[in-house]
């Protein structure tokens, strides 16, 4: 079921970090890698492929680079609100 795969993808901390990095700006794999600590470039690429296969993120090619962005068919305002809520919740830091 697609909805199960979607929420399962959101249940992974690494994928959430990638999605968070894409909320405000489209980025290349390298830019995403630089914005997330503790992950290898290959790990970021692997997770982006997973998210892309689920159509959660999509990309456009610019030369040899892929520019990733969140798929507009989803309402990312809810996820953005969740990030803001838990960032301000001192019990979750």
PDB file of N, CA and C in Angstrom:
ATOM      1  N   UNK A   1       0.841  -1.183   0.000  1.00  0.00           N
ATOM      2  CA  UNK A   1       0.000   0.000   0.000  1.00  0.00           C
ATOM      3  C   UNK A   1       0.884   1.244   0.000  1.00  0.00           C
ATOM      4  N   UNK A   2       0.580   2.193  -0.843  1.00  0.00           N
ATOM      5  CA  UNK A   2       1.411   3.385  -0.954  1.00  0.00           C
ATOM      6  C   UNK A   2       1.429   4.225   0.323  1.00  0.00           C
ATOM      7  N   UNK A   3       0.313   4.304   1.013  1.00  0.00           N
ATOM      8  CA  UNK A   3       0.263   5.119   2.233  1.00  0.00           C
ATOM      9  C   UNK A   3       1.152   4.520   3.321  1.00  0.00           C
ATOM     10  N   UNK A   4       1.226   3.203   3.397  1.00  0.00           N
ATOM     11  CA  UNK A   4       2.090   2.539   4.372  1.00  0.00           C
ATOM     12  C   UNK A   4       3.549   2.842   4.043  1.00  0.00           C
ATOM     13  N   UNK A   5       3.906   2.752   2.768  1.00  0.00           N
ATOM     14  CA  UNK A   5       5.281   3.050   2.352  1.00  0.00           C
ATOM     15  C   UNK A   5       5.641   4.503   2.638  1.00  0.00           C
ATOM     16  N   UNK A   6       4.691   5.420   2.417  1.00  0.00           N
ATOM     17  CA  UNK A   6       4.931   6.834   2.678  1.00  0.00           C
ATOM     18  C   UNK A   6       5.239   7.068   4.154  1.00  0.00           C
ATOM     19  N   UNK A   7       4.382   6.566   5.035  1.00  0.00           N
ATOM     20  CA  UNK A   7       4.593   6.795   6.466  1.00  0.00           C
ATOM     21  C   UNK A   7       5.782   5.996   7.001  1.00  0.00           C
ATOM     22  N   UNK A   8       6.055   4.865   6.427  1.00  0.00           N
ATOM     23  CA  UNK A   8       7.241   4.107   6.797  1.00  0.00           C
ATOM     24  C   UNK A   8       8.504   4.898   6.455  1.00  0.00           C
ATOM     25  N   UNK A   9       8.504   5.550   5.302  1.00  0.00           N
ATOM     26  CA  UNK A   9       9.647   6.384   4.905  1.00  0.00           C
ATOM     27  C   UNK A   9       9.848   7.527   5.886  1.00  0.00           C
ATOM     28  N   UNK A  10       8.761   8.089   6.403  1.00  0.00           N
ATOM     29  CA  UNK A  10       8.853   9.192   7.358  1.00  0.00           C
ATOM     30  C   UNK A  10       9.297   8.721   8.738  1.00  0.00           C
ATOM     31  N   UNK A  11       9.262   7.416   8.968  1.00  0.00           N
ATOM     32  CA  UNK A  11       9.630   6.871  10.264  1.00  0.00           C
ATOM     33  C   UNK A  11      11.129   6.668  10.445  1.00  0.00           C
ATOM     34  N   UNK A  12      11.913   7.071   9.470  1.00  0.00           N
ATOM     35  CA  UNK A  12      13.357   6.910   9.543  1.00  0.00           C
ATOM     36  C   UNK A  12      14.014   8.263   9.772  1.00  0.00           C
ATOM     37  N   UNK A  13      14.877   8.348  10.788  1.00  0.00           N
ATOM     38  CA  UNK A  13      15.498   9.622  11.163  1.00  0.00           C
ATOM     39  C   UNK A  13      16.332  10.223  10.034  1.00  0.00           C
ATOM     40  N   UNK A  14      17.076   9.398   9.329  1.00  0.00           N
ATOM     41  CA  UNK A  14      17.908   9.890   8.233  1.00  0.00           C
ATOM     42  C   UNK A  14      17.052  10.489   7.126  1.00  0.00           C
ATOM     43  N   UNK A  15      16.000   9.795   6.762  1.00  0.00           N
ATOM     44  CA  UNK A  15      15.124  10.312   5.697  1.00  0.00           C
ATOM     45  C   UNK A  15      14.423  11.589   6.141  1.00  0.00           C
ATOM     46  N   UNK A  16      14.039  11.662   7.427  1.00  0.00           N
ATOM     47  CA  UNK A  16      13.436  12.896   7.928  1.00  0.00           C
ATOM     48  C   UNK A  16      14.414  14.068   7.843  1.00  0.00           C
ATOM     49  N   UNK A  17      15.676  13.815   8.154  1.00  0.00           N
ATOM     50  CA  UNK A  17      16.683  14.871   8.045  1.00  0.00           C
ATOM     51  C   UNK A  17      16.817  15.346   6.599  1.00  0.00           C
ATOM     52  N   UNK A  18      16.783  14.417   5.673  1.00  0.00           N
ATOM     53  CA  UNK A  18      16.860  14.776   4.250  1.00  0.00           C
ATOM     54  C   UNK A  18      15.654  15.613   3.853  1.00  0.00           C
ATOM     55  N   UNK A  19      14.473  15.182   4.241  1.00  0.00           N
ATOM     56  CA  UNK A  19      13.251  15.936   3.906  1.00  0.00           C
ATOM     57  C   UNK A  19      13.286  17.321   4.530  1.00  0.00           C
ATOM     58  N   UNK A  20      13.747  17.402   5.770  1.00  0.00           N
ATOM     59  CA  UNK A  20      13.837  18.699   6.442  1.00  0.00           C
ATOM     60  C   UNK A  20      14.779  19.627   5.680  1.00  0.00           C
ATOM     61  N   UNK A  21      15.863  19.081   5.168  1.00  0.00           N
ATOM     62  CA  UNK A  21      16.821  19.919   4.443  1.00  0.00           C
ATOM     63  C   UNK A  21      16.248  20.430   3.124  1.00  0.00           C
ATOM     64  N   UNK A  22      15.215  19.759   2.621  1.00  0.00           N
ATOM     65  CA  UNK A  22      14.617  20.153   1.338  1.00  0.00           C
ATOM     66  C   UNK A  22      13.364  21.015   1.477  1.00  0.00           C
ATOM     67  N   UNK A  23      12.921  21.265   2.697  1.00  0.00           N
ATOM     68  CA  UNK A  23      11.667  22.003   2.885  1.00  0.00           C
ATOM     69  C   UNK A  23      11.728  23.398   2.270  1.00  0.00           C
ATOM     70  N   UNK A  24      12.821  24.097   2.489  1.00  0.00           N
ATOM     71  CA  UNK A  24      12.889  25.485   2.028  1.00  0.00           C
ATOM     72  C   UNK A  24      13.649  25.696   0.723  1.00  0.00           C
ATOM     73  N   UNK A  25      14.417  24.686   0.290  1.00  0.00           N
ATOM     74  CA  UNK A  25      15.285  24.910  -0.863  1.00  0.00           C
ATOM     75  C   UNK A  25      15.605  23.604  -1.568  1.00  0.00           C
ATOM     76  N   UNK A  26      15.561  23.613  -2.896  1.00  0.00           N
ATOM     77  CA  UNK A  26      16.010  22.472  -3.684  1.00  0.00           C
ATOM     78  C   UNK A  26      17.520  22.346  -3.529  1.00  0.00           C
ATOM     79  N   UNK A  27      18.024  21.104  -3.515  1.00  0.00           N
ATOM     80  CA  UNK A  27      19.454  20.894  -3.280  1.00  0.00           C
ATOM     81  C   UNK A  27      19.977  19.710  -4.079  1.00  0.00           C
ATOM     82  N   UNK A  28      21.281  19.743  -4.320  1.00  0.00           N
ATOM     83  CA  UNK A  28      21.978  18.604  -4.900  1.00  0.00           C
ATOM     84  C   UNK A  28      22.295  17.607  -3.797  1.00  0.00           C
ATOM     85  N   UNK A  29      22.730  16.416  -4.188  1.00  0.00           N
ATOM     86  CA  UNK A  29      23.128  15.406  -3.208  1.00  0.00           C
ATOM     87  C   UNK A  29      24.237  15.953  -2.310  1.00  0.00           C
ATOM     88  N   UNK A  30      25.192  16.632  -2.909  1.00  0.00           N
ATOM     89  CA  UNK A  30      26.308  17.188  -2.145  1.00  0.00           C
ATOM     90  C   UNK A  30      25.832  18.223  -1.134  1.00  0.00           C
ATOM     91  N   UNK A  31      24.909  19.088  -1.532  1.00  0.00           N
ATOM     92  CA  UNK A  31      24.378  20.106  -0.613  1.00  0.00           C
ATOM     93  C   UNK A  31      23.615  19.452   0.542  1.00  0.00           C
ATOM     94  N   UNK A  32      22.853  18.417   0.232  1.00  0.00           N
ATOM     95  CA  UNK A  32      22.130  17.698   1.293  1.00  0.00           C
ATOM     96  C   UNK A  32      23.133  17.045   2.233  1.00  0.00           C
ATOM     97  N   UNK A  33      24.145  16.406   1.672  1.00  0.00           N
ATOM     98  CA  UNK A  33      25.183  15.754   2.474  1.00  0.00           C
ATOM     99  C   UNK A  33      25.849  16.737   3.425  1.00  0.00           C
ATOM    100  N   UNK A  34      26.169  17.925   2.940  1.00  0.00           N
ATOM    101  CA  UNK A  34      26.815  18.933   3.779  1.00  0.00           C
ATOM    102  C   UNK A  34      25.907  19.433   4.896  1.00  0.00           C
ATOM    103  N   UNK A  35      24.590  19.383   4.666  1.00  0.00           N
ATOM    104  CA  UNK A  35      23.660  19.909   5.673  1.00  0.00           C
ATOM    105  C   UNK A  35      23.306  18.883   6.759  1.00  0.00           C
ATOM    106  N   UNK A  36      23.726  17.636   6.575  1.00  0.00           N
ATOM    107  CA  UNK A  36      23.401  16.582   7.538  1.00  0.00           C
ATOM    108  C   UNK A  36      24.696  15.989   8.078  1.00  0.00           C
ATOM    109  N   UNK A  37      24.884  16.068   9.369  1.00  0.00           N
ATOM    110  CA  UNK A  37      26.102  15.542   9.998  1.00  0.00           C
ATOM    111  C   UNK A  37      26.029  14.030  10.176  1.00  0.00           C
ATOM    112  N   UNK A  38      27.187  13.411  10.072  1.00  0.00           N
ATOM    113  CA  UNK A  38      27.300  12.007  10.429  1.00  0.00           C
ATOM    114  C   UNK A  38      26.880  11.008   9.369  1.00  0.00           C
ATOM    115  N   UNK A  39      26.606  11.458   8.167  1.00  0.00           N
ATOM    116  CA  UNK A  39      26.223  10.547   7.095  1.00  0.00           C
ATOM    117  C   UNK A  39      27.231  10.605   5.972  1.00  0.00           C
ATOM    118  N   UNK A  40      27.472   9.469   5.361  1.00  0.00           N
ATOM    119  CA  UNK A  40      28.348   9.460   4.195  1.00  0.00           C
ATOM    120  C   UNK A  40      27.546   9.930   2.973  1.00  0.00           C
ATOM    121  N   UNK A  41      28.261  10.339   1.968  1.00  0.00           N
ATOM    122  CA  UNK A  41      27.617  10.749   0.727  1.00  0.00           C
ATOM    123  C   UNK A  41      26.840   9.586   0.121  1.00  0.00           C
ATOM    124  N   UNK A  42      27.392   8.389   0.203  1.00  0.00           N
ATOM    125  CA  UNK A  42      26.694   7.232  -0.364  1.00  0.00           C
ATOM    126  C   UNK A  42      25.407   6.914   0.410  1.00  0.00           C
ATOM    127  N   UNK A  43      25.412   7.142   1.727  1.00  0.00           N
ATOM    128  CA  UNK A  43      24.198   6.920   2.526  1.00  0.00           C
ATOM    129  C   UNK A  43      23.108   7.911   2.129  1.00  0.00           C
ATOM    130  N   UNK A  44      23.486   9.162   1.915  1.00  0.00           N
ATOM    131  CA  UNK A  44      22.524  10.178   1.475  1.00  0.00           C
ATOM    132  C   UNK A  44      21.976   9.800   0.101  1.00  0.00           C
ATOM    133  N   UNK A  45      22.856   9.396  -0.803  1.00  0.00           N
ATOM    134  CA  UNK A  45      22.427   8.997  -2.150  1.00  0.00           C
ATOM    135  C   UNK A  45      21.466   7.816  -2.089  1.00  0.00           C
ATOM    136  N   UNK A  46      21.785   6.848  -1.239  1.00  0.00           N
ATOM    137  CA  UNK A  46      20.918   5.673  -1.086  1.00  0.00           C
ATOM    138  C   UNK A  46      19.522   6.077  -0.597  1.00  0.00           C
ATOM    139  N   UNK A  47      19.463   6.934   0.409  1.00  0.00           N
ATOM    140  CA  UNK A  47      18.169   7.363   0.948  1.00  0.00           C
ATOM    141  C   UNK A  47      17.393   8.217  -0.056  1.00  0.00           C
ATOM    142  N   UNK A  48      18.099   9.034  -0.813  1.00  0.00           N
ATOM    143  CA  UNK A  48      17.429   9.830  -1.849  1.00  0.00           C
ATOM    144  C   UNK A  48      16.828   8.926  -2.925  1.00  0.00           C
ATOM    145  N   UNK A  49      17.525   7.865  -3.265  1.00  0.00           N
ATOM    146  CA  UNK A  49      16.989   6.904  -4.244  1.00  0.00           C
ATOM    147  C   UNK A  49      15.722   6.271  -3.695  1.00  0.00           C
ATOM    148  N   UNK A  50      15.759   5.886  -2.427  1.00  0.00           N
ATOM    149  CA  UNK A  50      14.581   5.286  -1.782  1.00  0.00           C
ATOM    150  C   UNK A  50      13.398   6.264  -1.814  1.00  0.00           C
ATOM    151  N   UNK A  51      13.648   7.512  -1.412  1.00  0.00           N
ATOM    152  CA  UNK A  51      12.588   8.529  -1.403  1.00  0.00           C
ATOM    153  C   UNK A  51      12.111   8.848  -2.814  1.00  0.00           C
ATOM    154  N   UNK A  52      13.007   8.828  -3.758  1.00  0.00           N
ATOM    155  CA  UNK A  52      12.652   9.077  -5.152  1.00  0.00           C
ATOM    156  C   UNK A  52      11.801   7.939  -5.718  1.00  0.00           C
ATOM    157  N   UNK A  53      12.156   6.707  -5.381  1.00  0.00           N
ATOM    158  CA  UNK A  53      11.372   5.555  -5.843  1.00  0.00           C
ATOM    159  C   UNK A  53       9.935   5.613  -5.338  1.00  0.00           C
ATOM    160  N   UNK A  54       9.721   6.243  -4.183  1.00  0.00           N
ATOM    161  CA  UNK A  54       8.379   6.392  -3.613  1.00  0.00           C
ATOM    162  C   UNK A  54       7.690   7.683  -4.076  1.00  0.00           C
ATOM    163  N   UNK A  55       8.368   8.460  -4.926  1.00  0.00           N
ATOM    164  CA  UNK A  55       7.867   9.759  -5.403  1.00  0.00           C
ATOM    165  C   UNK A  55       7.685  10.782  -4.292  1.00  0.00           C
ATOM    166  N   UNK A  56       8.391  10.609  -3.195  1.00  0.00           N
ATOM    167  CA  UNK A  56       8.340  11.580  -2.109  1.00  0.00           C
ATOM    168  C   UNK A  56       9.222  12.770  -2.449  1.00  0.00           C
ATOM    169  N   UNK A  57      10.366  12.484  -3.023  1.00  0.00           N
ATOM    170  CA  UNK A  57      11.205  13.541  -3.592  1.00  0.00           C
ATOM    171  C   UNK A  57      11.329  13.274  -5.090  1.00  0.00           C
ATOM    172  N   UNK A  58      11.485  14.341  -5.821  1.00  0.00           N
ATOM    173  CA  UNK A  58      11.707  14.223  -7.252  1.00  0.00           C
ATOM    174  C   UNK A  58      12.919  15.079  -7.598  1.00  0.00           C
ATOM    175  N   UNK A  59      13.441  14.872  -8.766  1.00  0.00           N
ATOM    176  CA  UNK A  59      14.630  15.623  -9.147  1.00  0.00           C
ATOM    177  C   UNK A  59      14.545  16.037 -10.607  1.00  0.00           C
ATOM    178  N   UNK A  60      15.327  17.058 -10.896  1.00  0.00           N
ATOM    179  CA  UNK A  60      15.528  17.471 -12.281  1.00  0.00           C
ATOM    180  C   UNK A  60      17.029  17.441 -12.522  1.00  0.00           C
ATOM    181  N   UNK A  61      17.399  17.090 -13.718  1.00  0.00           N
ATOM    182  CA  UNK A  61      18.824  17.033 -14.041  1.00  0.00           C
ATOM    183  C   UNK A  61      19.286  18.380 -14.560  1.00  0.00           C
ATOM    184  N   UNK A  62      20.451  18.787 -14.077  1.00  0.00           N
ATOM    185  CA  UNK A  62      21.109  20.002 -14.544  1.00  0.00           C
ATOM    186  C   UNK A  62      22.531  19.592 -14.879  1.00  0.00           C
ATOM    187  N   UNK A  63      22.776  19.314 -16.134  1.00  0.00           N
ATOM    188  CA  UNK A  63      24.063  18.749 -16.525  1.00  0.00           C
ATOM    189  C   UNK A  63      24.164  17.349 -15.968  1.00  0.00           C
ATOM    190  N   UNK A  64      25.220  17.080 -15.215  1.00  0.00           N
ATOM    191  CA  UNK A  64      25.407  15.766 -14.595  1.00  0.00           C
ATOM    192  C   UNK A  64      24.793  15.685 -13.210  1.00  0.00           C
ATOM    193  N   UNK A  65      24.385  16.819 -12.661  1.00  0.00           N
ATOM    194  CA  UNK A  65      23.839  16.854 -11.305  1.00  0.00           C
ATOM    195  C   UNK A  65      22.329  16.666 -11.297  1.00  0.00           C
ATOM    196  N   UNK A  66      21.860  16.117 -10.194  1.00  0.00           N
ATOM    197  CA  UNK A  66      20.423  16.027  -9.932  1.00  0.00           C
ATOM    198  C   UNK A  66      20.102  17.043  -8.844  1.00  0.00           C
ATOM    199  N   UNK A  67      19.067  17.836  -9.095  1.00  0.00           N
ATOM    200  CA  UNK A  67      18.587  18.804  -8.111  1.00  0.00           C
ATOM    201  C   UNK A  67      17.304  18.210  -7.517  1.00  0.00           C
ATOM    202  N   UNK A  68      17.340  17.918  -6.227  1.00  0.00           N
ATOM    203  CA  UNK A  68      16.211  17.269  -5.562  1.00  0.00           C
ATOM    204  C   UNK A  68      15.287  18.298  -4.916  1.00  0.00           C
ATOM    205  N   UNK A  69      14.000  17.984  -4.936  1.00  0.00           N
ATOM    206  CA  UNK A  69      13.014  18.788  -4.217  1.00  0.00           C
ATOM    207  C   UNK A  69      11.849  17.900  -3.785  1.00  0.00           C
ATOM    208  N   UNK A  70      11.104  18.397  -2.814  1.00  0.00           N
ATOM    209  CA  UNK A  70       9.944  17.666  -2.319  1.00  0.00           C
ATOM    210  C   UNK A  70       8.872  17.633  -3.392  1.00  0.00           C
ATOM    211  N   UNK A  71       8.215  16.506  -3.523  1.00  0.00           N
ATOM    212  CA  UNK A  71       7.143  16.372  -4.498  1.00  0.00           C
ATOM    213  C   UNK A  71       5.953  17.230  -4.063  1.00  0.00           C
ATOM    214  N   UNK A  72       5.494  18.066  -4.965  1.00  0.00           N
ATOM    215  CA  UNK A  72       4.403  18.999  -4.660  1.00  0.00           C
ATOM    216  C   UNK A  72       3.054  18.322  -4.447  1.00  0.00           C
ATOM    217  N   UNK A  73       2.953  17.039  -4.739  1.00  0.00           N
ATOM    218  CA  UNK A  73       1.655  16.387  -4.567  1.00  0.00           C
ATOM    219  C   UNK A  73       1.345  16.072  -3.102  1.00  0.00           C
ATOM    220  N   UNK A  74       2.313  16.319  -2.228  1.00  0.00           N
ATOM    221  CA  UNK A  74       2.098  16.120  -0.794  1.00  0.00           C
ATOM    222  C   UNK A  74       2.024  17.474  -0.092  1.00  0.00           C
ATOM    223  N   UNK A  75       1.314  17.499   1.040  1.00  0.00           N
ATOM    224  CA  UNK A  75       1.206  18.714   1.838  1.00  0.00           C
ATOM    225  C   UNK A  75       2.327  18.714   2.870  1.00  0.00           C
ATOM    226  N   UNK A  76       3.408  19.407   2.548  1.00  0.00           N
ATOM    227  CA  UNK A  76       4.576  19.420   3.430  1.00  0.00           C
ATOM    228  C   UNK A  76       4.422  20.378   4.601  1.00  0.00           C
ATOM    229  N   UNK A  77       3.378  21.186   4.605  1.00  0.00           N
ATOM    230  CA  UNK A  77       3.163  22.111   5.712  1.00  0.00           C
ATOM    231  C   UNK A  77       2.976  21.356   7.025  1.00  0.00           C
ATOM    232  N   UNK A  78       2.378  20.178   6.968  1.00  0.00           N
ATOM    233  CA  UNK A  78       2.163  19.382   8.178  1.00  0.00           C
ATOM    234  C   UNK A  78       3.503  18.915   8.741  1.00  0.00           C
ATOM    235  N   UNK A  79       4.383  18.416   7.889  1.00  0.00           N
ATOM    236  CA  UNK A  79       5.700  17.972   8.342  1.00  0.00           C
ATOM    237  C   UNK A  79       6.519  19.158   8.852  1.00  0.00           C
ATOM    238  N   UNK A  80       6.442  20.267   8.157  1.00  0.00           N
ATOM    239  CA  UNK A  80       7.143  21.477   8.580  1.00  0.00           C
ATOM    240  C   UNK A  80       6.660  21.920   9.963  1.00  0.00           C
ATOM    241  N   UNK A  81       5.348  21.892  10.185  1.00  0.00           N
ATOM    242  CA  UNK A  81       4.798  22.235  11.497  1.00  0.00           C
ATOM    243  C   UNK A  81       5.303  21.273  12.576  1.00  0.00           C
ATOM    244  N   UNK A  82       5.392  19.982  12.253  1.00  0.00           N
ATOM    245  CA  UNK A  82       5.883  19.001  13.220  1.00  0.00           C
ATOM    246  C   UNK A  82       7.338  19.286  13.591  1.00  0.00           C
ATOM    247  N   UNK A  83       8.167  19.613  12.595  1.00  0.00           N
ATOM    248  CA  UNK A  83       9.567  19.965  12.879  1.00  0.00           C
ATOM    249  C   UNK A  83       9.636  21.175  13.812  1.00  0.00           C
ATOM    250  N   UNK A  84       8.826  22.176  13.540  1.00  0.00           N
ATOM    251  CA  UNK A  84       8.820  23.382  14.379  1.00  0.00           C
ATOM    252  C   UNK A  84       8.357  23.055  15.794  1.00  0.00           C
ATOM    253  N   UNK A  85       7.316  22.251  15.901  1.00  0.00           N
ATOM    254  CA  UNK A  85       6.764  21.904  17.211  1.00  0.00           C
ATOM    255  C   UNK A  85       7.797  21.185  18.069  1.00  0.00           C
ATOM    256  N   UNK A  86       8.417  20.167  17.512  1.00  0.00           N
ATOM    257  CA  UNK A  86       9.353  19.371  18.303  1.00  0.00           C
ATOM    258  C   UNK A  86      10.685  20.066  18.510  1.00  0.00           C
ATOM    259  N   UNK A  87      11.035  21.004  17.657  1.00  0.00           N
ATOM    260  CA  UNK A  87      12.246  21.796  17.873  1.00  0.00           C
ATOM    261  C   UNK A  87      12.069  22.673  19.114  1.00  0.00           C
ATOM    262  N   UNK A  88      10.867  23.174  19.316  1.00  0.00           N
ATOM    263  CA  UNK A  88      10.591  24.062  20.437  1.00  0.00           C
ATOM    264  C   UNK A  88      10.194  23.315  21.705  1.00  0.00           C
ATOM    265  N   UNK A  89      10.021  22.015  21.611  1.00  0.00           N
ATOM    266  CA  UNK A  89       9.644  21.198  22.769  1.00  0.00           C
ATOM    267  C   UNK A  89      10.924  20.751  23.475  1.00  0.00           C
ATOM    268  N   UNK A  90      11.240  21.348  24.599  1.00  0.00           N
ATOM    269  CA  UNK A  90      12.505  21.110  25.313  1.00  0.00           C
ATOM    270  C   UNK A  90      12.637  19.644  25.765  1.00  0.00           C
ATOM    271  N   UNK A  91      11.527  18.938  25.933  1.00  0.00           N
ATOM    272  CA  UNK A  91      11.594  17.556  26.372  1.00  0.00           C
ATOM    273  C   UNK A  91      12.142  16.641  25.284  1.00  0.00           C
ATOM    274  N   UNK A  92      12.142  17.082  24.015  1.00  0.00           N
ATOM    275  CA  UNK A  92      12.592  16.231  22.911  1.00  0.00           C
ATOM    276  C   UNK A  92      13.966  16.603  22.419  1.00  0.00           C
ATOM    277  N   UNK A  93      14.690  17.450  23.117  1.00  0.00           N
ATOM    278  CA  UNK A  93      16.041  17.829  22.683  1.00  0.00           C
ATOM    279  C   UNK A  93      17.090  17.084  23.451  1.00  0.00           C
TER     280      UNK A  93
END
